[in-house]
Amino acid sequence: MSTGPRRLDIEEVGDITIAKFVDKKILDETNIQIIGNQLFGLVDEDGRKKIVLDFSSVEYLSSAALGKLIQMDKKVKAAKGKLKLCAIRPEILEVFQITRLDKMFDIRPSQDSALESF
């Protein structure tokens, strides 16, 4: 895993990796950089192919954080993997809809439905 404080709780369910965000607010550029590095490390260093990002504790997300998610999606697709997002609060989901990112990402209402969708 990359350096810096842990910003993700990682859990394995079979061959699926669940990355749960630790922070309620993902706004700070430094934290976003660390989160990005930790997410990218799952693919680049650990070779994970099935990843669920759990947003259940996230209340705020900056546009820079969305940029990292887009990069992560590209990385996972390049590795022939699948990325699912789940448990996104309605007000954050609205941002995904406005930016049309809800069309790009596979967004599921809960962790269970994300796991079942693989």
PDB file of N, CA and C in Angstrom:
ATOM      1  N   MET A   1       0.836  -1.205   0.000  1.00  0.00           N
ATOM      2  CA  MET A   1       0.000   0.000   0.000  1.00  0.00           C
ATOM      3  C   MET A   1       0.869   1.252   0.000  1.00  0.00           C
ATOM      4  N   SER A   2       0.346   2.303  -0.489  1.00  0.00           N
ATOM      5  CA  SER A   2       1.087   3.552  -0.599  1.00  0.00           C
ATOM      6  C   SER A   2       1.276   4.206   0.760  1.00  0.00           C
ATOM      7  N   THR A   3       2.185   5.160   0.773  1.00  0.00           N
ATOM      8  CA  THR A   3       2.495   5.849   2.023  1.00  0.00           C
ATOM      9  C   THR A   3       1.368   6.783   2.433  1.00  0.00           C
ATOM     10  N   GLY A   4       1.471   7.281   3.645  1.00  0.00           N
ATOM     11  CA  GLY A   4       0.456   8.205   4.136  1.00  0.00           C
ATOM     12  C   GLY A   4      -0.531   7.474   5.012  1.00  0.00           C
ATOM     13  N   PRO A   5      -1.338   8.233   5.744  1.00  0.00           N
ATOM     14  CA  PRO A   5      -2.346   7.613   6.615  1.00  0.00           C
ATOM     15  C   PRO A   5      -3.361   6.838   5.790  1.00  0.00           C
ATOM     16  N   ARG A   6      -3.875   5.775   6.374  1.00  0.00           N
ATOM     17  CA  ARG A   6      -4.849   4.952   5.658  1.00  0.00           C
ATOM     18  C   ARG A   6      -6.144   5.718   5.474  1.00  0.00           C
ATOM     19  N   ARG A   7      -6.594   5.818   4.261  1.00  0.00           N
ATOM     20  CA  ARG A   7      -7.833   6.522   3.941  1.00  0.00           C
ATOM     21  C   ARG A   7      -8.909   5.547   3.483  1.00  0.00           C
ATOM     22  N   LEU A   8      -8.554   4.268   3.399  1.00  0.00           N
ATOM     23  CA  LEU A   8      -9.486   3.243   2.932  1.00  0.00           C
ATOM     24  C   LEU A   8      -9.424   2.053   3.870  1.00  0.00           C
ATOM     25  N   ASP A   9     -10.575   1.506   4.192  1.00  0.00           N
ATOM     26  CA  ASP A   9     -10.633   0.219   4.883  1.00  0.00           C
ATOM     27  C   ASP A   9     -10.812  -0.831   3.803  1.00  0.00           C
ATOM     28  N   ILE A  10      -9.878  -1.761   3.736  1.00  0.00           N
ATOM     29  CA  ILE A  10      -9.926  -2.787   2.691  1.00  0.00           C
ATOM     30  C   ILE A  10     -10.425  -4.097   3.279  1.00  0.00           C
ATOM     31  N   GLU A  11     -11.353  -4.703   2.583  1.00  0.00           N
ATOM     32  CA  GLU A  11     -11.930  -5.971   3.026  1.00  0.00           C
ATOM     33  C   GLU A  11     -12.003  -6.885   1.800  1.00  0.00           C
ATOM     34  N   GLU A  12     -11.764  -8.163   2.012  1.00  0.00           N
ATOM     35  CA  GLU A  12     -11.849  -9.136   0.926  1.00  0.00           C
ATOM     36  C   GLU A  12     -13.092  -9.992   1.100  1.00  0.00           C
ATOM     37  N   VAL A  13     -13.864 -10.151   0.032  1.00  0.00           N
ATOM     38  CA  VAL A  13     -14.981 -11.084   0.046  1.00  0.00           C
ATOM     39  C   VAL A  13     -14.770 -11.984  -1.167  1.00  0.00           C
ATOM     40  N   GLY A  14     -14.209 -13.152  -0.914  1.00  0.00           N
ATOM     41  CA  GLY A  14     -13.838 -14.035  -2.027  1.00  0.00           C
ATOM     42  C   GLY A  14     -12.775 -13.344  -2.861  1.00  0.00           C
ATOM     43  N   ASP A  15     -13.036 -13.214  -4.176  1.00  0.00           N
ATOM     44  CA  ASP A  15     -12.056 -12.549  -5.053  1.00  0.00           C
ATOM     45  C   ASP A  15     -12.401 -11.079  -5.277  1.00  0.00           C
ATOM     46  N   ILE A  16     -13.319 -10.557  -4.459  1.00  0.00           N
ATOM     47  CA  ILE A  16     -13.743  -9.159  -4.597  1.00  0.00           C
ATOM     48  C   ILE A  16     -13.127  -8.331  -3.467  1.00  0.00           C
ATOM     49  N   THR A  17     -12.606  -7.172  -3.830  1.00  0.00           N
ATOM     50  CA  THR A  17     -12.022  -6.256  -2.857  1.00  0.00           C
ATOM     51  C   THR A  17     -13.016  -5.135  -2.584  1.00  0.00           C
ATOM     52  N   ILE A  18     -13.317  -4.906  -1.300  1.00  0.00           N
ATOM     53  CA  ILE A  18     -14.186  -3.792  -0.927  1.00  0.00           C
ATOM     54  C   ILE A  18     -13.301  -2.716  -0.295  1.00  0.00           C
ATOM     55  N   ALA A  19     -13.350  -1.533  -0.872  1.00  0.00           N
ATOM     56  CA  ALA A  19     -12.605  -0.400  -0.327  1.00  0.00           C
ATOM     57  C   ALA A  19     -13.626   0.591   0.223  1.00  0.00           C
ATOM     58  N   LYS A  20     -13.609   0.757   1.534  1.00  0.00           N
ATOM     59  CA  LYS A  20     -14.559   1.658   2.184  1.00  0.00           C
ATOM     60  C   LYS A  20     -13.811   2.930   2.578  1.00  0.00           C
ATOM     61  N   PHE A  21     -14.364   4.066   2.175  1.00  0.00           N
ATOM     62  CA  PHE A  21     -13.717   5.337   2.495  1.00  0.00           C
ATOM     63  C   PHE A  21     -13.811   5.611   3.991  1.00  0.00           C
ATOM     64  N   VAL A  22     -12.693   6.056   4.588  1.00  0.00           N
ATOM     65  CA  VAL A  22     -12.636   6.339   6.016  1.00  0.00           C
ATOM     66  C   VAL A  22     -13.177   7.744   6.293  1.00  0.00           C
ATOM     67  N   ASP A  23     -12.885   8.685   5.401  1.00  0.00           N
ATOM     68  CA  ASP A  23     -13.246  10.091   5.622  1.00  0.00           C
ATOM     69  C   ASP A  23     -14.704  10.386   5.294  1.00  0.00           C
ATOM     70  N   LYS A  24     -15.301  11.269   6.089  1.00  0.00           N
ATOM     71  CA  LYS A  24     -16.659  11.748   5.794  1.00  0.00           C
ATOM     72  C   LYS A  24     -16.618  12.770   4.664  1.00  0.00           C
ATOM     73  N   LYS A  25     -15.572  13.594   4.676  1.00  0.00           N
ATOM     74  CA  LYS A  25     -15.438  14.648   3.665  1.00  0.00           C
ATOM     75  C   LYS A  25     -14.167  14.412   2.869  1.00  0.00           C
ATOM     76  N   ILE A  26     -14.333  14.205   1.588  1.00  0.00           N
ATOM     77  CA  ILE A  26     -13.171  14.012   0.721  1.00  0.00           C
ATOM     78  C   ILE A  26     -13.012  15.291  -0.093  1.00  0.00           C
ATOM     79  N   LEU A  27     -12.332  16.267   0.519  1.00  0.00           N
ATOM     80  CA  LEU A  27     -12.221  17.597  -0.066  1.00  0.00           C
ATOM     81  C   LEU A  27     -10.767  18.043  -0.195  1.00  0.00           C
ATOM     82  N   ASP A  28      -9.953  17.653   0.763  1.00  0.00           N
ATOM     83  CA  ASP A  28      -8.575  18.115   0.854  1.00  0.00           C
ATOM     84  C   ASP A  28      -7.702  17.471  -0.228  1.00  0.00           C
ATOM     85  N   GLU A  29      -6.959  18.306  -0.948  1.00  0.00           N
ATOM     86  CA  GLU A  29      -6.141  17.835  -2.074  1.00  0.00           C
ATOM     87  C   GLU A  29      -5.145  16.751  -1.650  1.00  0.00           C
ATOM     88  N   THR A  30      -4.525  16.933  -0.491  1.00  0.00           N
ATOM     89  CA  THR A  30      -3.542  15.946  -0.010  1.00  0.00           C
ATOM     90  C   THR A  30      -4.215  14.601   0.245  1.00  0.00           C
ATOM     91  N   ASN A  31      -5.356  14.630   0.930  1.00  0.00           N
ATOM     92  CA  ASN A  31      -6.095  13.389   1.190  1.00  0.00           C
ATOM     93  C   ASN A  31      -6.535  12.721  -0.101  1.00  0.00           C
ATOM     94  N   ILE A  32      -6.989  13.525  -1.054  1.00  0.00           N
ATOM     95  CA  ILE A  32      -7.446  12.980  -2.340  1.00  0.00           C
ATOM     96  C   ILE A  32      -6.283  12.284  -3.046  1.00  0.00           C
ATOM     97  N   GLN A  33      -5.096  12.890  -2.950  1.00  0.00           N
ATOM     98  CA  GLN A  33      -3.884  12.302  -3.534  1.00  0.00           C
ATOM     99  C   GLN A  33      -3.601  10.946  -2.888  1.00  0.00           C
ATOM    100  N   ILE A  34      -3.686  10.902  -1.554  1.00  0.00           N
ATOM    101  CA  ILE A  34      -3.433   9.657  -0.816  1.00  0.00           C
ATOM    102  C   ILE A  34      -4.475   8.604  -1.181  1.00  0.00           C
ATOM    103  N   ILE A  35      -5.742   9.011  -1.208  1.00  0.00           N
ATOM    104  CA  ILE A  35      -6.818   8.073  -1.582  1.00  0.00           C
ATOM    105  C   ILE A  35      -6.558   7.533  -2.979  1.00  0.00           C
ATOM    106  N   GLY A  36      -6.230   8.429  -3.906  1.00  0.00           N
ATOM    107  CA  GLY A  36      -5.933   8.013  -5.281  1.00  0.00           C
ATOM    108  C   GLY A  36      -4.812   6.995  -5.319  1.00  0.00           C
ATOM    109  N   ASN A  37      -3.719   7.278  -4.615  1.00  0.00           N
ATOM    110  CA  ASN A  37      -2.577   6.360  -4.597  1.00  0.00           C
ATOM    111  C   ASN A  37      -2.964   5.011  -4.012  1.00  0.00           C
ATOM    112  N   GLN A  38      -3.771   5.038  -2.943  1.00  0.00           N
ATOM    113  CA  GLN A  38      -4.174   3.781  -2.318  1.00  0.00           C
ATOM    114  C   GLN A  38      -5.116   2.987  -3.240  1.00  0.00           C
ATOM    115  N   LEU A  39      -6.021   3.697  -3.917  1.00  0.00           N
ATOM    116  CA  LEU A  39      -6.915   3.023  -4.869  1.00  0.00           C
ATOM    117  C   LEU A  39      -6.115   2.438  -6.030  1.00  0.00           C
ATOM    118  N   PHE A  40      -5.222   3.254  -6.606  1.00  0.00           N
ATOM    119  CA  PHE A  40      -4.438   2.803  -7.763  1.00  0.00           C
ATOM    120  C   PHE A  40      -3.562   1.614  -7.384  1.00  0.00           C
ATOM    121  N   GLY A  41      -3.070   1.621  -6.126  1.00  0.00           N
ATOM    122  CA  GLY A  41      -2.229   0.526  -5.647  1.00  0.00           C
ATOM    123  C   GLY A  41      -2.958  -0.805  -5.642  1.00  0.00           C
ATOM    124  N   LEU A  42      -4.282  -0.767  -5.413  1.00  0.00           N
ATOM    125  CA  LEU A  42      -5.076  -2.003  -5.432  1.00  0.00           C
ATOM    126  C   LEU A  42      -4.955  -2.687  -6.792  1.00  0.00           C
ATOM    127  N   VAL A  43      -4.929  -1.872  -7.844  1.00  0.00           N
ATOM    128  CA  VAL A  43      -4.860  -2.408  -9.208  1.00  0.00           C
ATOM    129  C   VAL A  43      -3.403  -2.633  -9.617  1.00  0.00           C
ATOM    130  N   ASP A  44      -2.586  -1.584  -9.491  1.00  0.00           N
ATOM    131  CA  ASP A  44      -1.213  -1.625  -9.987  1.00  0.00           C
ATOM    132  C   ASP A  44      -0.307  -2.552  -9.189  1.00  0.00           C
ATOM    133  N   GLU A  45      -0.410  -2.493  -7.853  1.00  0.00           N
ATOM    134  CA  GLU A  45       0.495  -3.272  -7.014  1.00  0.00           C
ATOM    135  C   GLU A  45      -0.082  -4.624  -6.624  1.00  0.00           C
ATOM    136  N   ASP A  46      -1.375  -4.649  -6.285  1.00  0.00           N
ATOM    137  CA  ASP A  46      -1.979  -5.877  -5.777  1.00  0.00           C
ATOM    138  C   ASP A  46      -2.662  -6.710  -6.855  1.00  0.00           C
ATOM    139  N   GLY A  47      -2.833  -6.121  -8.044  1.00  0.00           N
ATOM    140  CA  GLY A  47      -3.454  -6.850  -9.144  1.00  0.00           C
ATOM    141  C   GLY A  47      -4.912  -7.211  -8.923  1.00  0.00           C
ATOM    142  N   ARG A  48      -5.632  -6.390  -8.160  1.00  0.00           N
ATOM    143  CA  ARG A  48      -7.058  -6.672  -7.907  1.00  0.00           C
ATOM    144  C   ARG A  48      -7.858  -6.374  -9.168  1.00  0.00           C
ATOM    145  N   LYS A  49      -8.844  -7.207  -9.444  1.00  0.00           N
ATOM    146  CA  LYS A  49      -9.643  -7.041 -10.665  1.00  0.00           C
ATOM    147  C   LYS A  49     -11.105  -6.700 -10.382  1.00  0.00           C
ATOM    148  N   LYS A  50     -11.596  -7.105  -9.215  1.00  0.00           N
ATOM    149  CA  LYS A  50     -12.993  -6.830  -8.861  1.00  0.00           C
ATOM    150  C   LYS A  50     -12.995  -5.949  -7.625  1.00  0.00           C
ATOM    151  N   ILE A  51     -13.415  -4.705  -7.819  1.00  0.00           N
ATOM    152  CA  ILE A  51     -13.332  -3.739  -6.734  1.00  0.00           C
ATOM    153  C   ILE A  51     -14.675  -3.038  -6.514  1.00  0.00           C
ATOM    154  N   VAL A  52     -15.077  -2.960  -5.250  1.00  0.00           N
ATOM    155  CA  VAL A  52     -16.275  -2.216  -4.856  1.00  0.00           C
ATOM    156  C   VAL A  52     -15.807  -1.034  -4.013  1.00  0.00           C
ATOM    157  N   LEU A  53     -16.222   0.171  -4.389  1.00  0.00           N
ATOM    158  CA  LEU A  53     -15.936   1.352  -3.570  1.00  0.00           C
ATOM    159  C   LEU A  53     -17.190   1.682  -2.772  1.00  0.00           C
ATOM    160  N   ASP A  54     -17.073   1.605  -1.457  1.00  0.00           N
ATOM    161  CA  ASP A  54     -18.210   1.818  -0.571  1.00  0.00           C
ATOM    162  C   ASP A  54     -18.180   3.256  -0.035  1.00  0.00           C
ATOM    163  N   PHE A  55     -19.208   4.021  -0.386  1.00  0.00           N
ATOM    164  CA  PHE A  55     -19.295   5.433  -0.020  1.00  0.00           C
ATOM    165  C   PHE A  55     -20.190   5.676   1.200  1.00  0.00           C
ATOM    166  N   SER A  56     -20.549   4.625   1.940  1.00  0.00           N
ATOM    167  CA  SER A  56     -21.546   4.785   2.996  1.00  0.00           C
ATOM    168  C   SER A  56     -21.173   5.829   4.049  1.00  0.00           C
ATOM    169  N   SER A  57     -19.881   6.076   4.284  1.00  0.00           N
ATOM    170  CA  SER A  57     -19.515   7.073   5.300  1.00  0.00           C
ATOM    171  C   SER A  57     -19.212   8.456   4.700  1.00  0.00           C
ATOM    172  N   VAL A  58     -19.254   8.570   3.383  1.00  0.00           N
ATOM    173  CA  VAL A  58     -18.882   9.830   2.725  1.00  0.00           C
ATOM    174  C   VAL A  58     -20.070  10.798   2.654  1.00  0.00           C
ATOM    175  N   GLU A  59     -19.847  12.013   3.154  1.00  0.00           N
ATOM    176  CA  GLU A  59     -20.881  13.052   3.117  1.00  0.00           C
ATOM    177  C   GLU A  59     -20.606  14.106   2.050  1.00  0.00           C
ATOM    178  N   TYR A  60     -19.328  14.364   1.800  1.00  0.00           N
ATOM    179  CA  TYR A  60     -18.938  15.364   0.792  1.00  0.00           C
ATOM    180  C   TYR A  60     -17.818  14.822  -0.069  1.00  0.00           C
ATOM    181  N   LEU A  61     -17.848  15.207  -1.332  1.00  0.00           N
ATOM    182  CA  LEU A  61     -16.860  14.734  -2.303  1.00  0.00           C
ATOM    183  C   LEU A  61     -16.539  15.909  -3.205  1.00  0.00           C
ATOM    184  N   SER A  62     -15.266  16.228  -3.373  1.00  0.00           N
ATOM    185  CA  SER A  62     -14.907  17.354  -4.245  1.00  0.00           C
ATOM    186  C   SER A  62     -14.781  16.886  -5.695  1.00  0.00           C
ATOM    187  N   SER A  63     -14.711  17.845  -6.597  1.00  0.00           N
ATOM    188  CA  SER A  63     -14.573  17.488  -8.014  1.00  0.00           C
ATOM    189  C   SER A  63     -13.224  16.825  -8.262  1.00  0.00           C
ATOM    190  N   ALA A  64     -12.209  17.186  -7.481  1.00  0.00           N
ATOM    191  CA  ALA A  64     -10.898  16.538  -7.625  1.00  0.00           C
ATOM    192  C   ALA A  64     -11.004  15.048  -7.275  1.00  0.00           C
ATOM    193  N   ALA A  65     -11.850  14.738  -6.284  1.00  0.00           N
ATOM    194  CA  ALA A  65     -12.065  13.338  -5.906  1.00  0.00           C
ATOM    195  C   ALA A  65     -12.751  12.595  -7.052  1.00  0.00           C
ATOM    196  N   LEU A  66     -13.683  13.264  -7.736  1.00  0.00           N
ATOM    197  CA  LEU A  66     -14.340  12.646  -8.892  1.00  0.00           C
ATOM    198  C   LEU A  66     -13.308  12.329  -9.967  1.00  0.00           C
ATOM    199  N   GLY A  67     -12.355  13.232 -10.136  1.00  0.00           N
ATOM    200  CA  GLY A  67     -11.274  13.001 -11.110  1.00  0.00           C
ATOM    201  C   GLY A  67     -10.501  11.730 -10.805  1.00  0.00           C
ATOM    202  N   LYS A  68     -10.219  11.500  -9.517  1.00  0.00           N
ATOM    203  CA  LYS A  68      -9.511  10.271  -9.104  1.00  0.00           C
ATOM    204  C   LYS A  68     -10.352   9.033  -9.404  1.00  0.00           C
ATOM    205  N   LEU A  69     -11.664   9.152  -9.187  1.00  0.00           N
ATOM    206  CA  LEU A  69     -12.550   8.011  -9.463  1.00  0.00           C
ATOM    207  C   LEU A  69     -12.538   7.674 -10.953  1.00  0.00           C
ATOM    208  N   ILE A  70     -12.512   8.714 -11.794  1.00  0.00           N
ATOM    209  CA  ILE A  70     -12.467   8.495 -13.245  1.00  0.00           C
ATOM    210  C   ILE A  70     -11.154   7.809 -13.623  1.00  0.00           C
ATOM    211  N   GLN A  71     -10.042   8.268 -13.035  1.00  0.00           N
ATOM    212  CA  GLN A  71      -8.744   7.644 -13.294  1.00  0.00           C
ATOM    213  C   GLN A  71      -8.762   6.183 -12.842  1.00  0.00           C
ATOM    214  N   MET A  72      -9.360   5.941 -11.684  1.00  0.00           N
ATOM    215  CA  MET A  72      -9.436   4.588 -11.136  1.00  0.00           C
ATOM    216  C   MET A  72     -10.224   3.682 -12.078  1.00  0.00           C
ATOM    217  N   ASP A  73     -11.342   4.214 -12.589  1.00  0.00           N
ATOM    218  CA  ASP A  73     -12.176   3.452 -13.519  1.00  0.00           C
ATOM    219  C   ASP A  73     -11.368   3.052 -14.753  1.00  0.00           C
ATOM    220  N   LYS A  74     -10.598   3.990 -15.281  1.00  0.00           N
ATOM    221  CA  LYS A  74      -9.765   3.708 -16.465  1.00  0.00           C
ATOM    222  C   LYS A  74      -8.727   2.639 -16.157  1.00  0.00           C
ATOM    223  N   LYS A  75      -8.104   2.741 -14.973  1.00  0.00           N
ATOM    224  CA  LYS A  75      -7.094   1.774 -14.559  1.00  0.00           C
ATOM    225  C   LYS A  75      -7.682   0.370 -14.453  1.00  0.00           C
ATOM    226  N   VAL A  76      -8.853   0.283 -13.816  1.00  0.00           N
ATOM    227  CA  VAL A  76      -9.489  -1.023 -13.626  1.00  0.00           C
ATOM    228  C   VAL A  76      -9.870  -1.613 -14.986  1.00  0.00           C
ATOM    229  N   LYS A  77     -10.427  -0.764 -15.872  1.00  0.00           N
ATOM    230  CA  LYS A  77     -10.803  -1.250 -17.202  1.00  0.00           C
ATOM    231  C   LYS A  77      -9.575  -1.689 -17.997  1.00  0.00           C
ATOM    232  N   ALA A  78      -8.483  -0.946 -17.865  1.00  0.00           N
ATOM    233  CA  ALA A  78      -7.245  -1.303 -18.567  1.00  0.00           C
ATOM    234  C   ALA A  78      -6.717  -2.653 -18.077  1.00  0.00           C
ATOM    235  N   ALA A  79      -6.969  -2.960 -16.807  1.00  0.00           N
ATOM    236  CA  ALA A  79      -6.540  -4.233 -16.228  1.00  0.00           C
ATOM    237  C   ALA A  79      -7.577  -5.328 -16.462  1.00  0.00           C
ATOM    238  N   LYS A  80      -8.582  -5.038 -17.271  1.00  0.00           N
ATOM    239  CA  LYS A  80      -9.677  -5.969 -17.583  1.00  0.00           C
ATOM    240  C   LYS A  80     -10.461  -6.356 -16.325  1.00  0.00           C
ATOM    241  N   GLY A  81     -10.587  -5.386 -15.419  1.00  0.00           N
ATOM    242  CA  GLY A  81     -11.316  -5.634 -14.181  1.00  0.00           C
ATOM    243  C   GLY A  81     -12.649  -4.921 -14.179  1.00  0.00           C
ATOM    244  N   LYS A  82     -13.328  -4.990 -13.035  1.00  0.00           N
ATOM    245  CA  LYS A  82     -14.626  -4.330 -12.887  1.00  0.00           C
ATOM    246  C   LYS A  82     -14.626  -3.500 -11.612  1.00  0.00           C
ATOM    247  N   LEU A  83     -15.197  -2.302 -11.727  1.00  0.00           N
ATOM    248  CA  LEU A  83     -15.300  -1.394 -10.594  1.00  0.00           C
ATOM    249  C   LEU A  83     -16.770  -1.083 -10.355  1.00  0.00           C
ATOM    250  N   LYS A  84     -17.202  -1.208  -9.102  1.00  0.00           N
ATOM    251  CA  LYS A  84     -18.579  -0.880  -8.733  1.00  0.00           C
ATOM    252  C   LYS A  84     -18.527   0.148  -7.614  1.00  0.00           C
ATOM    253  N   LEU A  85     -19.476   1.065  -7.622  1.00  0.00           N
ATOM    254  CA  LEU A  85     -19.609   2.041  -6.548  1.00  0.00           C
ATOM    255  C   LEU A  85     -20.899   1.723  -5.815  1.00  0.00           C
ATOM    256  N   CYS A  86     -20.913   1.894  -4.497  1.00  0.00           N
ATOM    257  CA  CYS A  86     -22.152   1.594  -3.773  1.00  0.00           C
ATOM    258  C   CYS A  86     -22.354   2.516  -2.587  1.00  0.00           C
ATOM    259  N   ALA A  87     -23.590   2.519  -2.117  1.00  0.00           N
ATOM    260  CA  ALA A  87     -23.999   3.251  -0.913  1.00  0.00           C
ATOM    261  C   ALA A  87     -23.663   4.743  -1.000  1.00  0.00           C
ATOM    262  N   ILE A  88     -23.966   5.341  -2.134  1.00  0.00           N
ATOM    263  CA  ILE A  88     -23.708   6.773  -2.323  1.00  0.00           C
ATOM    264  C   ILE A  88     -24.931   7.557  -1.854  1.00  0.00           C
ATOM    265  N   ARG A  89     -24.707   8.549  -1.003  1.00  0.00           N
ATOM    266  CA  ARG A  89     -25.814   9.379  -0.498  1.00  0.00           C
ATOM    267  C   ARG A  89     -26.489  10.113  -1.648  1.00  0.00           C
ATOM    268  N   PRO A  90     -27.800  10.364  -1.522  1.00  0.00           N
ATOM    269  CA  PRO A  90     -28.552  11.026  -2.609  1.00  0.00           C
ATOM    270  C   PRO A  90     -27.926  12.339  -3.078  1.00  0.00           C
ATOM    271  N   GLU A  91     -27.433  13.153  -2.132  1.00  0.00           N
ATOM    272  CA  GLU A  91     -26.881  14.451  -2.544  1.00  0.00           C
ATOM    273  C   GLU A  91     -25.569  14.301  -3.320  1.00  0.00           C
ATOM    274  N   ILE A  92     -24.816  13.237  -3.049  1.00  0.00           N
ATOM    275  CA  ILE A  92     -23.588  12.975  -3.824  1.00  0.00           C
ATOM    276  C   ILE A  92     -23.964  12.324  -5.154  1.00  0.00           C
ATOM    277  N   LEU A  93     -24.938  11.445  -5.108  1.00  0.00           N
ATOM    278  CA  LEU A  93     -25.409  10.789  -6.331  1.00  0.00           C
ATOM    279  C   LEU A  93     -25.897  11.828  -7.340  1.00  0.00           C
ATOM    280  N   GLU A  94     -26.492  12.885  -6.828  1.00  0.00           N
ATOM    281  CA  GLU A  94     -26.970  13.960  -7.693  1.00  0.00           C
ATOM    282  C   GLU A  94     -25.817  14.575  -8.498  1.00  0.00           C
ATOM    283  N   VAL A  95     -24.666  14.713  -7.854  1.00  0.00           N
ATOM    284  CA  VAL A  95     -23.472  15.238  -8.542  1.00  0.00           C
ATOM    285  C   VAL A  95     -23.065  14.278  -9.664  1.00  0.00           C
ATOM    286  N   PHE A  96     -23.114  12.982  -9.377  1.00  0.00           N
ATOM    287  CA  PHE A  96     -22.805  11.982 -10.404  1.00  0.00           C
ATOM    288  C   PHE A  96     -23.781  12.114 -11.581  1.00  0.00           C
ATOM    289  N   GLN A  97     -25.056  12.381 -11.270  1.00  0.00           N
ATOM    290  CA  GLN A  97     -26.061  12.497 -12.329  1.00  0.00           C
ATOM    291  C   GLN A  97     -25.871  13.770 -13.140  1.00  0.00           C
ATOM    292  N   ILE A  98     -25.610  14.890 -12.460  1.00  0.00           N
ATOM    293  CA  ILE A  98     -25.406  16.169 -13.154  1.00  0.00           C
ATOM    294  C   ILE A  98     -24.202  16.082 -14.096  1.00  0.00           C
ATOM    295  N   THR A  99     -23.137  15.436 -13.614  1.00  0.00           N
ATOM    296  CA  THR A  99     -21.915  15.318 -14.424  1.00  0.00           C
ATOM    297  C   THR A  99     -21.970  14.122 -15.388  1.00  0.00           C
ATOM    298  N   ARG A 100     -23.078  13.408 -15.350  1.00  0.00           N
ATOM    299  CA  ARG A 100     -23.309  12.227 -16.185  1.00  0.00           C
ATOM    300  C   ARG A 100     -22.348  11.069 -15.871  1.00  0.00           C
ATOM    301  N   LEU A 101     -21.718  11.140 -14.720  1.00  0.00           N
ATOM    302  CA  LEU A 101     -20.824  10.065 -14.311  1.00  0.00           C
ATOM    303  C   LEU A 101     -21.613   8.824 -13.885  1.00  0.00           C
ATOM    304  N   ASP A 102     -22.908   9.014 -13.620  1.00  0.00           N
ATOM    305  CA  ASP A 102     -23.740   7.852 -13.279  1.00  0.00           C
ATOM    306  C   ASP A 102     -23.861   6.915 -14.473  1.00  0.00           C
ATOM    307  N   LYS A 103     -23.593   7.444 -15.678  1.00  0.00           N
ATOM    308  CA  LYS A 103     -23.620   6.602 -16.891  1.00  0.00           C
ATOM    309  C   LYS A 103     -22.302   5.844 -17.041  1.00  0.00           C
ATOM    310  N   MET A 104     -21.231   6.428 -16.515  1.00  0.00           N
ATOM    311  CA  MET A 104     -19.898   5.840 -16.652  1.00  0.00           C
ATOM    312  C   MET A 104     -19.661   4.740 -15.619  1.00  0.00           C
ATOM    313  N   PHE A 105     -20.095   5.011 -14.388  1.00  0.00           N
ATOM    314  CA  PHE A 105     -19.853   4.069 -13.296  1.00  0.00           C
ATOM    315  C   PHE A 105     -21.033   3.131 -13.104  1.00  0.00           C
ATOM    316  N   ASP A 106     -20.717   1.942 -12.599  1.00  0.00           N
ATOM    317  CA  ASP A 106     -21.760   0.993 -12.204  1.00  0.00           C
ATOM    318  C   ASP A 106     -22.056   1.280 -10.736  1.00  0.00           C
ATOM    319  N   ILE A 107     -23.158   1.978 -10.483  1.00  0.00           N
ATOM    320  CA  ILE A 107     -23.498   2.403  -9.125  1.00  0.00           C
ATOM    321  C   ILE A 107     -24.627   1.529  -8.581  1.00  0.00           C
ATOM    322  N   ARG A 108     -24.392   0.945  -7.418  1.00  0.00           N
ATOM    323  CA  ARG A 108     -25.373   0.060  -6.781  1.00  0.00           C
ATOM    324  C   ARG A 108     -25.829   0.666  -5.457  1.00  0.00           C
ATOM    325  N   PRO A 109     -27.085   0.378  -5.048  1.00  0.00           N
ATOM    326  CA  PRO A 109     -27.605   0.996  -3.813  1.00  0.00           C
ATOM    327  C   PRO A 109     -26.910   0.520  -2.538  1.00  0.00           C
ATOM    328  N   SER A 110     -26.430  -0.724  -2.518  1.00  0.00           N
ATOM    329  CA  SER A 110     -25.833  -1.258  -1.293  1.00  0.00           C
ATOM    330  C   SER A 110     -24.617  -2.117  -1.627  1.00  0.00           C
ATOM    331  N   GLN A 111     -23.830  -2.376  -0.598  1.00  0.00           N
ATOM    332  CA  GLN A 111     -22.660  -3.232  -0.769  1.00  0.00           C
ATOM    333  C   GLN A 111     -23.074  -4.626  -1.245  1.00  0.00           C
ATOM    334  N   ASP A 112     -24.156  -5.143  -0.656  1.00  0.00           N
ATOM    335  CA  ASP A 112     -24.629  -6.485  -1.047  1.00  0.00           C
ATOM    336  C   ASP A 112     -24.992  -6.536  -2.533  1.00  0.00           C
ATOM    337  N   SER A 113     -25.733  -5.524  -2.996  1.00  0.00           N
ATOM    338  CA  SER A 113     -26.131  -5.552  -4.410  1.00  0.00           C
ATOM    339  C   SER A 113     -24.907  -5.374  -5.312  1.00  0.00           C
ATOM    340  N   ALA A 114     -23.898  -4.640  -4.847  1.00  0.00           N
ATOM    341  CA  ALA A 114     -22.664  -4.493  -5.624  1.00  0.00           C
ATOM    342  C   ALA A 114     -21.937  -5.834  -5.719  1.00  0.00           C
ATOM    343  N   LEU A 115     -21.865  -6.549  -4.599  1.00  0.00           N
ATOM    344  CA  LEU A 115     -21.197  -7.847  -4.580  1.00  0.00           C
ATOM    345  C   LEU A 115     -21.914  -8.856  -5.482  1.00  0.00           C
ATOM    346  N   GLU A 116     -23.234  -8.828  -5.432  1.00  0.00           N
ATOM    347  CA  GLU A 116     -24.029  -9.765  -6.236  1.00  0.00           C
ATOM    348  C   GLU A 116     -23.910  -9.480  -7.734  1.00  0.00           C
ATOM    349  N   SER A 117     -23.548  -8.246  -8.077  1.00  0.00           N
ATOM    350  CA  SER A 117     -23.548  -7.859  -9.491  1.00  0.00           C
ATOM    351  C   SER A 117     -22.312  -8.329 -10.270  1.00  0.00           C
ATOM    352  N   PHE A 118     -21.342  -8.943  -9.574  1.00  0.00           N
ATOM    353  CA  PHE A 118     -20.146  -9.429 -10.281  1.00  0.00           C
ATOM    354  C   PHE A 118     -20.420 -10.737 -10.988  1.00  0.00           C
TER     355      PHE A 118
END
